[in-house]
Amino acid sequence: MIQYGRSIRWFNNYEDEVEFSKENGFDFMQIWYANGEIVLDKVPEPKEEVILNSKFPVIIHALLDINEFEEHVPKIIKILKNLTHDEVIIHPVCKSEKITKTTIIKLSEKVSEANRLFKEEGITLFVENNSRLDPINYDADEINTLYSKNIGVELLLDIAHIDNYDHLNKIVAIKKPKMLHIADKHFDVTHEHLPIGDGELDFDYIFNNVLCGFDGKIILEVVDKDVKIIKSIDMIKKILR
């Protein structure tokens, strides 16, 4: 059964975001972890307590540099245990050093150790593919390297990170995703996350040909006005019906 989530507007009141999600058919929200903390501008510490008290499901999306894994994975595990979560997303980037042909090997090793720690706590790790903006775990060869060394790690496929449909098909052939980030984009732009229908992606083709039968979690990464978010998710639900 498909579950629909959305990336929270971290700059808004948290209770308002929860009510908006409930009123518009979302099953959960995605919350970012970056620079050592949960990214929610208007939530006091401890933020985990506020999230739990809202009684609305969330998933943590952790942005980690390749050299931040050792420091932050234990902190993330502590947060996940407080929230009683059994899934986590890591979005890996490499800003702290130059990317070379061997960087993906280093990242694969970091992911392997992180996955070991998460598995000890009963947590499933999802790793996100990147776009040309952050060219690590981006092209099909790199993605194949990471998942061939980490069989138990799941793929979070960000559809807005693809260059073209051939790129998308190659990724899906390596690892079928159980979780998606969706947003629209133009193919000649390095990195975009637009409301559905505002770019060039053909979601009818994507879901009826490349991801036919998808039955997992879909996270709408459209941080925009209410009407844009509602229209976007309605368009996706119509396709999947």
C-alpha atoms as a PDB file:
ATOM      1  CA  MET A   1       0.000   0.000   0.000  1.00  0.00           C
ATOM      2  CA  ILE A   2       1.420   3.355  -1.042  1.00  0.00           C
ATOM      3  CA  GLN A   3       1.973   5.896   1.728  1.00  0.00           C
ATOM      4  CA  TYR A   4       2.246   9.593   0.941  1.00  0.00           C
ATOM      5  CA  GLY A   5       4.546  11.969   2.786  1.00  0.00           C
ATOM      6  CA  ARG A   6       5.803  15.492   2.311  1.00  0.00           C
ATOM      7  CA  SER A   7       8.915  17.436   3.172  1.00  0.00           C
ATOM      8  CA  ILE A   8       8.019  19.741   6.042  1.00  0.00           C
ATOM      9  CA  ARG A   9       8.266  23.514   5.688  1.00  0.00           C
ATOM     10  CA  TRP A  10      10.725  23.853   8.584  1.00  0.00           C
ATOM     11  CA  PHE A  11      10.216  27.616   8.771  1.00  0.00           C
ATOM     12  CA  ASN A  12       6.495  27.261   9.605  1.00  0.00           C
ATOM     13  CA  ASN A  13       4.738  26.523  12.873  1.00  0.00           C
ATOM     14  CA  TYR A  14       4.987  22.770  13.445  1.00  0.00           C
ATOM     15  CA  GLU A  15       1.382  22.315  14.575  1.00  0.00           C
ATOM     16  CA  ASP A  16       0.177  24.072  11.433  1.00  0.00           C
ATOM     17  CA  GLU A  17       2.275  21.744   9.279  1.00  0.00           C
ATOM     18  CA  VAL A  18       0.788  18.705  11.014  1.00  0.00           C
ATOM     19  CA  GLU A  19      -2.776  19.958  10.506  1.00  0.00           C
ATOM     20  CA  PHE A  20      -2.102  20.751   6.845  1.00  0.00           C
ATOM     21  CA  SER A  21      -0.759  17.227   6.314  1.00  0.00           C
ATOM     22  CA  LYS A  22      -3.738  15.624   8.025  1.00  0.00           C
ATOM     23  CA  GLU A  23      -6.266  17.715   6.105  1.00  0.00           C
ATOM     24  CA  ASN A  24      -4.732  16.956   2.714  1.00  0.00           C
ATOM     25  CA  GLY A  25      -4.285  13.207   2.799  1.00  0.00           C
ATOM     26  CA  PHE A  26      -0.644  12.844   3.821  1.00  0.00           C
ATOM     27  CA  ASP A  27       0.353   9.868   5.955  1.00  0.00           C
ATOM     28  CA  PHE A  28       3.620  11.261   7.310  1.00  0.00           C
ATOM     29  CA  MET A  29       6.111  14.134   7.046  1.00  0.00           C
ATOM     30  CA  GLN A  30       9.835  14.253   6.302  1.00  0.00           C
ATOM     31  CA  ILE A  31      12.005  16.213   8.723  1.00  0.00           C
ATOM     32  CA  TRP A  32      15.617  17.164   7.989  1.00  0.00           C
ATOM     33  CA  TYR A  33      18.596  16.542  10.223  1.00  0.00           C
ATOM     34  CA  ALA A  34      21.602  18.728   9.409  1.00  0.00           C
ATOM     35  CA  ASN A  35      24.579  20.188  11.260  1.00  0.00           C
ATOM     36  CA  GLY A  36      23.867  18.086  14.310  1.00  0.00           C
ATOM     37  CA  GLU A  37      20.217  18.905  14.884  1.00  0.00           C
ATOM     38  CA  ILE A  38      16.643  18.417  13.735  1.00  0.00           C
ATOM     39  CA  VAL A  39      15.781  21.290  11.391  1.00  0.00           C
ATOM     40  CA  LEU A  40      12.610  22.862  12.789  1.00  0.00           C
ATOM     41  CA  ASP A  41      12.884  26.621  13.246  1.00  0.00           C
ATOM     42  CA  LYS A  42       9.943  27.168  15.606  1.00  0.00           C
ATOM     43  CA  VAL A  43      10.178  24.097  17.809  1.00  0.00           C
ATOM     44  CA  PRO A  44      11.799  24.299  21.273  1.00  0.00           C
ATOM     45  CA  GLU A  45      14.133  21.665  22.665  1.00  0.00           C
ATOM     46  CA  PRO A  46      13.732  18.779  23.102  1.00  0.00           C
ATOM     47  CA  LYS A  47      12.339  18.683  19.581  1.00  0.00           C
ATOM     48  CA  GLU A  48      11.752  14.941  19.696  1.00  0.00           C
ATOM     49  CA  GLU A  49       9.223  15.482  22.473  1.00  0.00           C
ATOM     50  CA  VAL A  50       7.270  18.003  20.391  1.00  0.00           C
ATOM     51  CA  ILE A  51       7.255  15.603  17.434  1.00  0.00           C
ATOM     52  CA  LEU A  52       6.051  12.710  19.597  1.00  0.00           C
ATOM     53  CA  ASN A  53       3.348  14.796  21.255  1.00  0.00           C
ATOM     54  CA  SER A  54       1.925  15.744  17.839  1.00  0.00           C
ATOM     55  CA  LYS A  55       1.095  12.044  17.284  1.00  0.00           C
ATOM     56  CA  PHE A  56       1.695  12.368  13.546  1.00  0.00           C
ATOM     57  CA  PRO A  57       4.270  10.093  11.845  1.00  0.00           C
ATOM     58  CA  VAL A  58       7.537  11.496  10.527  1.00  0.00           C
ATOM     59  CA  ILE A  59      10.728  10.185   8.952  1.00  0.00           C
ATOM     60  CA  ILE A  60      14.197  11.669   9.486  1.00  0.00           C
ATOM     61  CA  HIS A  61      16.172  12.756   6.419  1.00  0.00           C
ATOM     62  CA  ALA A  62      19.815  13.248   7.420  1.00  0.00           C
ATOM     63  CA  LEU A  63      22.129  15.340   5.261  1.00  0.00           C
ATOM     64  CA  LEU A  64      25.646  14.043   5.935  1.00  0.00           C
ATOM     65  CA  ASP A  65      28.999  14.914   4.441  1.00  0.00           C
ATOM     66  CA  ILE A  66      31.217  11.919   3.735  1.00  0.00           C
ATOM     67  CA  ASN A  67      33.429  12.925   6.698  1.00  0.00           C
ATOM     68  CA  GLU A  68      30.546  13.428   9.140  1.00  0.00           C
ATOM     69  CA  PHE A  69      29.318   9.845   9.434  1.00  0.00           C
ATOM     70  CA  GLU A  70      31.348   8.871  12.519  1.00  0.00           C
ATOM     71  CA  GLU A  71      30.246  11.944  14.442  1.00  0.00           C
ATOM     72  CA  HIS A  72      26.592  12.073  13.477  1.00  0.00           C
ATOM     73  CA  VAL A  73      25.353   8.494  13.014  1.00  0.00           C
ATOM     74  CA  PRO A  74      25.377   7.848  16.810  1.00  0.00           C
ATOM     75  CA  LYS A  75      23.500  11.137  17.354  1.00  0.00           C
ATOM     76  CA  ILE A  76      20.943  10.168  14.713  1.00  0.00           C
ATOM     77  CA  ILE A  77      20.478   6.746  16.314  1.00  0.00           C
ATOM     78  CA  LYS A  78      19.745   8.431  19.659  1.00  0.00           C
ATOM     79  CA  ILE A  79      17.087  10.613  17.994  1.00  0.00           C
ATOM     80  CA  LEU A  80      15.559   7.646  16.188  1.00  0.00           C
ATOM     81  CA  LYS A  81      15.360   5.628  19.408  1.00  0.00           C
ATOM     82  CA  ASN A  82      13.641   8.546  21.160  1.00  0.00           C
ATOM     83  CA  LEU A  83      11.146   8.684  18.300  1.00  0.00           C
ATOM     84  CA  THR A  84      10.835   4.858  18.165  1.00  0.00           C
ATOM     85  CA  HIS A  85      11.667   4.910  14.442  1.00  0.00           C
ATOM     86  CA  ASP A  86      12.788   1.900  12.423  1.00  0.00           C
ATOM     87  CA  GLU A  87      13.692   3.745   9.181  1.00  0.00           C
ATOM     88  CA  VAL A  88      16.052   6.594   8.321  1.00  0.00           C
ATOM     89  CA  ILE A  89      17.171   8.385   5.137  1.00  0.00           C
ATOM     90  CA  ILE A  90      20.756   9.505   4.609  1.00  0.00           C
ATOM     91  CA  HIS A  91      21.448  12.022   1.861  1.00  0.00           C
ATOM     92  CA  PRO A  92      25.237  11.796   1.369  1.00  0.00           C
ATOM     93  CA  VAL A  93      27.272  14.727   0.034  1.00  0.00           C
ATOM     94  CA  CYS A  94      30.972  15.434  -0.314  1.00  0.00           C
ATOM     95  CA  LYS A  95      31.839  19.069   0.378  1.00  0.00           C
ATOM     96  CA  SER A  96      34.817  18.529   2.682  1.00  0.00           C
ATOM     97  CA  GLU A  97      37.172  17.044   0.088  1.00  0.00           C
ATOM     98  CA  LYS A  98      37.668  16.785  -3.665  1.00  0.00           C
ATOM     99  CA  ILE A  99      35.609  14.083  -5.361  1.00  0.00           C
ATOM    100  CA  THR A 100      37.744  11.543  -7.233  1.00  0.00           C
ATOM    101  CA  LYS A 101      37.133   8.132  -8.790  1.00  0.00           C
ATOM    102  CA  THR A 102      37.775   6.482  -5.418  1.00  0.00           C
ATOM    103  CA  THR A 103      35.437   8.693  -3.367  1.00  0.00           C
ATOM    104  CA  ILE A 104      32.514   6.347  -3.974  1.00  0.00           C
ATOM    105  CA  ILE A 105      34.562   3.519  -2.415  1.00  0.00           C
ATOM    106  CA  LYS A 106      35.092   5.632   0.697  1.00  0.00           C
ATOM    107  CA  LEU A 107      31.398   6.506   0.802  1.00  0.00           C
ATOM    108  CA  SER A 108      30.448   2.843   0.421  1.00  0.00           C
ATOM    109  CA  GLU A 109      32.620   1.994   3.425  1.00  0.00           C
ATOM    110  CA  LYS A 110      31.036   4.788   5.472  1.00  0.00           C
ATOM    111  CA  VAL A 111      27.556   3.555   4.525  1.00  0.00           C
ATOM    112  CA  SER A 112      28.518  -0.018   5.418  1.00  0.00           C
ATOM    113  CA  GLU A 113      29.588   0.935   8.935  1.00  0.00           C
ATOM    114  CA  ALA A 114      26.548   3.176   9.399  1.00  0.00           C
ATOM    115  CA  ASN A 115      24.280   0.351   8.275  1.00  0.00           C
ATOM    116  CA  ARG A 116      25.910  -2.002  10.763  1.00  0.00           C
ATOM    117  CA  LEU A 117      25.117   0.417  13.601  1.00  0.00           C
ATOM    118  CA  PHE A 118      21.574   1.030  12.401  1.00  0.00           C
ATOM    119  CA  LYS A 119      20.881  -2.691  11.994  1.00  0.00           C
ATOM    120  CA  GLU A 120      21.956  -3.313  15.592  1.00  0.00           C
ATOM    121  CA  GLU A 121      19.081  -1.031  16.595  1.00  0.00           C
ATOM    122  CA  GLY A 122      16.585  -2.576  14.156  1.00  0.00           C
ATOM    123  CA  ILE A 123      16.669   0.456  11.834  1.00  0.00           C
ATOM    124  CA  THR A 124      16.517   0.191   8.022  1.00  0.00           C
ATOM    125  CA  LEU A 125      18.845   2.591   6.202  1.00  0.00           C
ATOM    126  CA  PHE A 126      17.786   4.277   2.958  1.00  0.00           C
ATOM    127  CA  VAL A 127      20.492   6.114   0.970  1.00  0.00           C
ATOM    128  CA  GLU A 128      19.506   8.784  -1.545  1.00  0.00           C
ATOM    129  CA  ASN A 129      20.919   9.203  -5.053  1.00  0.00           C
ATOM    130  CA  ASN A 130      22.330  12.621  -5.905  1.00  0.00           C
ATOM    131  CA  SER A 131      22.081  15.021  -8.835  1.00  0.00           C
ATOM    132  CA  ARG A 132      24.843  16.730 -10.806  1.00  0.00           C
ATOM    133  CA  LEU A 133      24.885  19.401  -8.106  1.00  0.00           C
ATOM    134  CA  ASP A 134      26.470  16.920  -5.661  1.00  0.00           C
ATOM    135  CA  PRO A 135      28.104  14.397  -8.012  1.00  0.00           C
ATOM    136  CA  ILE A 136      28.660  11.540  -5.574  1.00  0.00           C
ATOM    137  CA  ASN A 137      26.376   8.493  -5.662  1.00  0.00           C
ATOM    138  CA  TYR A 138      25.007  10.159  -8.769  1.00  0.00           C
ATOM    139  CA  ASP A 139      25.700   8.155 -11.916  1.00  0.00           C
ATOM    140  CA  ALA A 140      24.697   4.538 -12.423  1.00  0.00           C
ATOM    141  CA  ASP A 141      28.224   3.149 -12.046  1.00  0.00           C
ATOM    142  CA  GLU A 142      28.657   4.792  -8.657  1.00  0.00           C
ATOM    143  CA  ILE A 143      25.239   3.704  -7.477  1.00  0.00           C
ATOM    144  CA  ASN A 144      26.045   0.153  -8.568  1.00  0.00           C
ATOM    145  CA  THR A 145      29.301   0.302  -6.589  1.00  0.00           C
ATOM    146  CA  LEU A 146      27.558   1.453  -3.420  1.00  0.00           C
ATOM    147  CA  TYR A 147      24.737  -1.099  -3.517  1.00  0.00           C
ATOM    148  CA  SER A 148      26.889  -4.020  -4.629  1.00  0.00           C
ATOM    149  CA  LYS A 149      28.885  -3.480  -1.416  1.00  0.00           C
ATOM    150  CA  ASN A 150      25.787  -2.808   0.701  1.00  0.00           C
ATOM    151  CA  ILE A 151      23.144  -5.352  -0.255  1.00  0.00           C
ATOM    152  CA  GLY A 152      21.009  -4.686   2.826  1.00  0.00           C
ATOM    153  CA  VAL A 153      20.826  -0.917   2.321  1.00  0.00           C
ATOM    154  CA  GLU A 154      17.706   0.375   0.590  1.00  0.00           C
ATOM    155  CA  LEU A 155      17.532   2.974  -2.198  1.00  0.00           C
ATOM    156  CA  LEU A 156      15.646   6.199  -1.788  1.00  0.00           C
ATOM    157  CA  LEU A 157      15.215   7.273  -5.391  1.00  0.00           C
ATOM    158  CA  ASP A 158      14.988  11.024  -5.917  1.00  0.00           C
ATOM    159  CA  ILE A 159      13.356  11.312  -9.319  1.00  0.00           C
ATOM    160  CA  ALA A 160      14.202  15.020  -9.605  1.00  0.00           C
ATOM    161  CA  HIS A 161      17.905  14.084  -9.534  1.00  0.00           C
ATOM    162  CA  ILE A 162      17.889  12.268 -12.876  1.00  0.00           C
ATOM    163  CA  ASP A 163      19.478  13.643 -16.060  1.00  0.00           C
ATOM    164  CA  ASN A 164      17.135  11.780 -18.412  1.00  0.00           C
ATOM    165  CA  TYR A 165      14.992   8.640 -18.545  1.00  0.00           C
ATOM    166  CA  ASP A 166      17.945   6.446 -19.492  1.00  0.00           C
ATOM    167  CA  HIS A 167      19.630   7.576 -16.274  1.00  0.00           C
ATOM    168  CA  LEU A 168      16.461   6.689 -14.357  1.00  0.00           C
ATOM    169  CA  ASN A 169      16.135   3.256 -15.958  1.00  0.00           C
ATOM    170  CA  LYS A 170      19.759   2.393 -15.191  1.00  0.00           C
ATOM    171  CA  ILE A 171      19.331   3.286 -11.517  1.00  0.00           C
ATOM    172  CA  VAL A 172      16.137   1.259 -11.135  1.00  0.00           C
ATOM    173  CA  ALA A 173      17.797  -1.721 -12.845  1.00  0.00           C
ATOM    174  CA  ILE A 174      20.467  -1.682 -10.115  1.00  0.00           C
ATOM    175  CA  LYS A 175      18.135  -1.454  -7.126  1.00  0.00           C
ATOM    176  CA  LYS A 176      14.360  -1.197  -7.064  1.00  0.00           C
ATOM    177  CA  PRO A 177      13.426   1.616  -4.714  1.00  0.00           C
ATOM    178  CA  LYS A 178      11.039   1.196  -1.804  1.00  0.00           C
ATOM    179  CA  MET A 179      10.908   4.929  -1.173  1.00  0.00           C
ATOM    180  CA  LEU A 180      10.753   7.924  -3.531  1.00  0.00           C
ATOM    181  CA  HIS A 181      11.354  11.648  -3.464  1.00  0.00           C
ATOM    182  CA  ILE A 182       9.206  13.310  -6.095  1.00  0.00           C
ATOM    183  CA  ALA A 183       9.269  16.813  -7.505  1.00  0.00           C
ATOM    184  CA  ASP A 184       9.372  18.196 -11.026  1.00  0.00           C
ATOM    185  CA  LYS A 185      12.349  19.602 -12.934  1.00  0.00           C
ATOM    186  CA  HIS A 186      13.678  20.779 -16.288  1.00  0.00           C
ATOM    187  CA  PHE A 187      16.293  18.503 -17.808  1.00  0.00           C
ATOM    188  CA  ASP A 188      18.659  21.346 -18.697  1.00  0.00           C
ATOM    189  CA  VAL A 189      18.783  22.621 -15.102  1.00  0.00           C
ATOM    190  CA  THR A 190      21.374  21.115 -12.747  1.00  0.00           C
ATOM    191  CA  HIS A 191      19.109  20.922  -9.711  1.00  0.00           C
ATOM    192  CA  GLU A 192      15.411  21.733  -9.306  1.00  0.00           C
ATOM    193  CA  HIS A 193      12.533  20.627  -7.096  1.00  0.00           C
ATOM    194  CA  LEU A 194       9.435  22.172  -8.651  1.00  0.00           C
ATOM    195  CA  PRO A 195       5.728  21.538  -8.065  1.00  0.00           C
ATOM    196  CA  ILE A 196       4.418  18.641 -10.162  1.00  0.00           C
ATOM    197  CA  GLY A 197       3.446  19.915 -13.604  1.00  0.00           C
ATOM    198  CA  ASP A 198       5.819  22.905 -13.530  1.00  0.00           C
ATOM    199  CA  GLY A 199       8.708  21.024 -15.147  1.00  0.00           C
ATOM    200  CA  GLU A 200       9.353  18.443 -17.864  1.00  0.00           C
ATOM    201  CA  LEU A 201       9.086  15.122 -16.022  1.00  0.00           C
ATOM    202  CA  ASP A 202       6.456  12.757 -17.416  1.00  0.00           C
ATOM    203  CA  PHE A 203       5.140  11.064 -14.289  1.00  0.00           C
ATOM    204  CA  ASP A 204       2.646   9.001 -16.297  1.00  0.00           C
ATOM    205  CA  TYR A 205       5.589   7.418 -18.104  1.00  0.00           C
ATOM    206  CA  ILE A 206       7.660   7.088 -14.929  1.00  0.00           C
ATOM    207  CA  PHE A 207       5.005   5.288 -12.897  1.00  0.00           C
ATOM    208  CA  ASN A 208       3.477   3.244 -15.713  1.00  0.00           C
ATOM    209  CA  ASN A 209       6.738   2.109 -17.301  1.00  0.00           C
ATOM    210  CA  VAL A 210       9.818   2.544 -15.118  1.00  0.00           C
ATOM    211  CA  LEU A 211       8.211   2.184 -11.663  1.00  0.00           C
ATOM    212  CA  CYS A 212       5.208   0.091 -12.649  1.00  0.00           C
ATOM    213  CA  GLY A 213       3.687  -1.539  -9.575  1.00  0.00           C
ATOM    214  CA  PHE A 214       5.535   0.668  -7.104  1.00  0.00           C
ATOM    215  CA  ASP A 215       4.164   0.035  -3.625  1.00  0.00           C
ATOM    216  CA  GLY A 216       6.173   1.973  -1.071  1.00  0.00           C
ATOM    217  CA  LYS A 217       6.544   5.443   0.396  1.00  0.00           C
ATOM    218  CA  ILE A 218       6.337   8.565  -1.764  1.00  0.00           C
ATOM    219  CA  ILE A 219       7.679  11.800  -0.297  1.00  0.00           C
ATOM    220  CA  LEU A 220       6.690  15.002  -2.064  1.00  0.00           C
ATOM    221  CA  GLU A 221       9.669  17.373  -1.945  1.00  0.00           C
ATOM    222  CA  VAL A 222       7.784  20.527  -2.842  1.00  0.00           C
ATOM    223  CA  VAL A 223       8.350  23.269  -0.293  1.00  0.00           C
ATOM    224  CA  ASP A 224       5.925  25.833  -1.644  1.00  0.00           C
ATOM    225  CA  LYS A 225       2.520  27.420  -1.096  1.00  0.00           C
ATOM    226  CA  ASP A 226      -0.361  25.239   0.096  1.00  0.00           C
ATOM    227  CA  VAL A 227      -2.113  25.247  -3.274  1.00  0.00           C
ATOM    228  CA  LYS A 228       1.030  24.046  -5.082  1.00  0.00           C
ATOM    229  CA  ILE A 229       1.529  21.188  -2.633  1.00  0.00           C
ATOM    230  CA  ILE A 230      -2.120  20.104  -2.822  1.00  0.00           C
ATOM    231  CA  LYS A 231      -2.159  20.239  -6.624  1.00  0.00           C
ATOM    232  CA  SER A 232       1.105  18.260  -6.819  1.00  0.00           C
ATOM    233  CA  ILE A 233       0.008  15.386  -4.615  1.00  0.00           C
ATOM    234  CA  ASP A 234      -3.423  15.231  -6.252  1.00  0.00           C
ATOM    235  CA  MET A 235      -1.766  14.844  -9.665  1.00  0.00           C
ATOM    236  CA  ILE A 236       0.419  11.984  -8.437  1.00  0.00           C
ATOM    237  CA  LYS A 237      -2.479  10.215  -6.716  1.00  0.00           C
ATOM    238  CA  LYS A 238      -4.561  10.510  -9.899  1.00  0.00           C
ATOM    239  CA  ILE A 239      -1.802   8.813 -11.920  1.00  0.00           C
ATOM    240  CA  LEU A 240      -1.421   6.008  -9.372  1.00  0.00           C
ATOM    241  CA  ARG A 241      -5.166   5.374  -9.164  1.00  0.00           C
END
